[in-house]
Protein backbone atom coordinates (compact mmCIF):
# COMPACT_ATOMS: atom_id res chain seq x y z
CA MET A 1 83.87 167.57 71.89
CA ILE A 2 86.25 167.66 74.84
CA SER A 3 89.90 168.31 73.99
CA ALA A 4 92.68 165.87 74.75
CA TRP A 5 94.11 168.38 77.23
CA ASP A 6 90.81 168.56 79.13
CA SER A 7 90.42 164.77 79.11
CA LEU A 8 93.96 164.23 80.40
CA HIS A 9 93.43 166.92 83.02
CA SER A 10 90.24 165.20 84.19
CA ALA A 11 91.95 161.79 84.17
CA THR A 12 94.77 163.20 86.28
CA LEU A 13 92.26 164.59 88.77
CA GLU A 14 90.59 161.17 88.84
CA LEU A 15 93.94 159.59 89.72
CA VAL A 16 94.44 161.71 92.84
CA ARG A 17 91.23 160.65 94.57
CA SER A 18 91.34 158.59 97.76
CA THR A 19 89.97 155.34 96.31
CA PRO A 20 92.33 152.40 95.61
CA ILE A 21 94.65 152.94 92.64
CA LYS A 22 93.07 150.22 90.52
CA GLN A 23 89.61 151.77 90.89
CA ARG A 24 91.05 155.16 89.98
CA LEU A 25 92.68 153.76 86.84
CA ILE A 26 89.47 152.11 85.69
CA ALA A 27 87.50 155.31 86.29
CA ALA A 28 90.12 157.45 84.52
CA TYR A 29 90.05 155.14 81.50
CA ARG A 30 86.28 154.82 81.25
CA ARG A 31 85.41 158.46 81.93
CA HIS A 32 88.28 160.29 80.25
CA LEU A 33 91.11 158.42 78.54
CA SER A 34 89.01 156.32 76.18
CA GLN A 35 87.65 159.50 74.59
CA ILE A 36 91.02 160.98 73.59
CA PRO A 37 91.78 161.00 69.88
CA THR A 38 95.46 160.17 69.47
CA ASP A 39 95.90 162.84 66.78
CA GLN A 40 95.25 165.54 69.41
CA LEU A 41 98.32 164.47 71.38
CA PRO A 42 101.83 165.82 70.79
CA LEU A 43 103.89 163.50 68.60
CA ASP A 44 106.25 162.62 71.46
CA ALA A 45 103.32 161.52 73.66
CA ARG A 46 101.44 159.32 71.17
CA GLU A 47 103.50 156.16 71.58
CA SER A 48 103.41 156.36 75.38
CA PHE A 49 99.67 156.99 75.30
CA GLY A 50 99.17 153.99 73.00
CA GLN A 51 101.14 151.78 75.39
CA ILE A 52 99.03 152.96 78.31
CA MET A 53 95.81 152.32 76.43
CA ARG A 54 96.98 148.81 75.48
CA SER A 55 98.00 148.04 79.06
CA LEU A 56 94.61 149.25 80.31
CA ALA A 57 92.55 147.19 77.87
CA GLY A 58 94.75 144.37 76.60
CA VAL A 59 93.62 141.44 78.76
CA GLN A 60 90.84 139.06 77.74
CA PRO A 61 87.97 139.68 80.20
CA LEU A 62 86.20 137.07 82.25
CA ARG A 63 82.45 136.73 82.03
CA GLY A 64 80.78 139.81 83.46
CA GLU A 65 83.73 142.18 83.17
CA ASP A 66 85.20 144.31 80.42
CA ALA A 67 88.76 144.41 79.12
CA VAL A 68 89.63 147.40 81.30
CA ALA A 69 88.54 145.72 84.52
CA ALA A 70 90.36 142.52 83.51
CA SER A 71 93.56 144.35 82.57
CA VAL A 72 93.68 146.40 85.75
CA ARG A 73 92.78 143.37 87.88
CA LYS A 74 95.84 141.56 86.46
CA MET A 75 98.17 144.47 87.29
CA SER A 76 100.24 144.51 90.45
CA ASN A 77 99.86 147.59 92.61
CA GLN A 78 103.29 148.74 91.39
CA GLU A 79 102.21 148.35 87.75
CA ALA A 80 99.06 150.32 88.50
CA ASP A 81 101.13 153.05 90.17
CA ASP A 82 103.47 153.15 87.17
CA CYS A 83 100.55 153.37 84.76
CA ALA A 84 99.05 156.28 86.70
CA ALA A 85 102.44 158.03 86.73
CA HIS A 86 102.68 157.67 82.94
CA ILE A 87 99.26 159.24 82.53
CA VAL A 88 100.37 162.21 84.64
CA GLU A 89 103.59 162.46 82.61
CA ILE A 90 101.59 162.61 79.37
CA PHE A 91 99.42 165.32 80.87
CA GLY A 92 102.62 167.19 81.69
CA MET A 93 103.74 166.83 78.06
CA MET A 94 100.39 168.23 76.95
CA ALA A 95 100.69 171.16 79.32
CA ARG A 96 104.20 171.98 78.10
CA ALA A 97 103.15 171.66 74.46
CA ALA A 98 100.02 173.79 74.88
CA ASP A 99 100.01 177.28 73.48
CA PRO A 100 100.26 179.56 76.51
CA ALA A 101 98.12 182.16 74.72
CA ALA A 102 95.24 179.71 74.20
CA PRO A 103 92.26 180.29 76.50
CA ARG A 104 91.75 177.53 79.00
CA GLN A 105 89.49 177.13 81.96
CA THR A 106 91.43 177.31 85.19
CA ALA A 107 90.31 176.28 88.60
CA ALA A 108 90.26 178.95 91.26
CA VAL A 109 92.46 178.32 94.27
CA ILE A 110 90.89 179.53 97.47
CA GLN A 111 93.14 179.94 100.47
CA LEU A 112 91.27 178.78 103.54
CA ARG A 113 93.93 179.44 106.16
CA SER A 114 96.96 181.58 106.49
CA ILE A 115 100.05 179.87 105.16
CA GLU A 116 102.02 181.08 108.14
CA CYS A 117 100.39 179.26 111.05
CA ALA A 118 101.63 179.28 114.58
CA SER A 119 103.32 176.01 115.44
CA ALA A 120 101.09 175.72 118.52
CA GLU A 121 98.17 175.24 116.17
CA PHE A 122 99.52 171.81 115.26
CA ASP A 123 100.51 170.69 118.75
CA ALA A 124 98.63 167.66 119.99
CA PRO A 125 98.24 166.76 123.63
CA ALA A 126 100.51 163.95 124.75
CA LEU A 127 98.79 160.65 125.38
CA ILE A 128 99.56 159.08 128.71
CA ALA A 129 99.19 155.37 129.09
CA SER A 130 98.06 154.08 132.44
CA SER A 131 98.24 150.53 133.59
């Protein structure tokens, strides 16, 4: 069984992809959020999580879609952005509440370029318009 922390971490990673926000929300819900048992969340995050789950699956679907697709379809882009931000906030609550001594898989960060790059590296040639 995947822990709530891992599911929220994966949902957060889903939310930072380059697809449209509504697609990211649907994917985060279906792949990660729907599997989280509420009792694994910190007490202060449970109500917020419940509200998010209701907002992501509270609309009556049309034929051929599920409640999640219907709910997200009805959201404005701003509502979708706000919902994604709340998911990230809950993940932050989980991270702060986690026992720092508990073992957890961490992703390796690989530095591909020097942080201190010469400014000339980012110079672009000027475009000259001719008529």
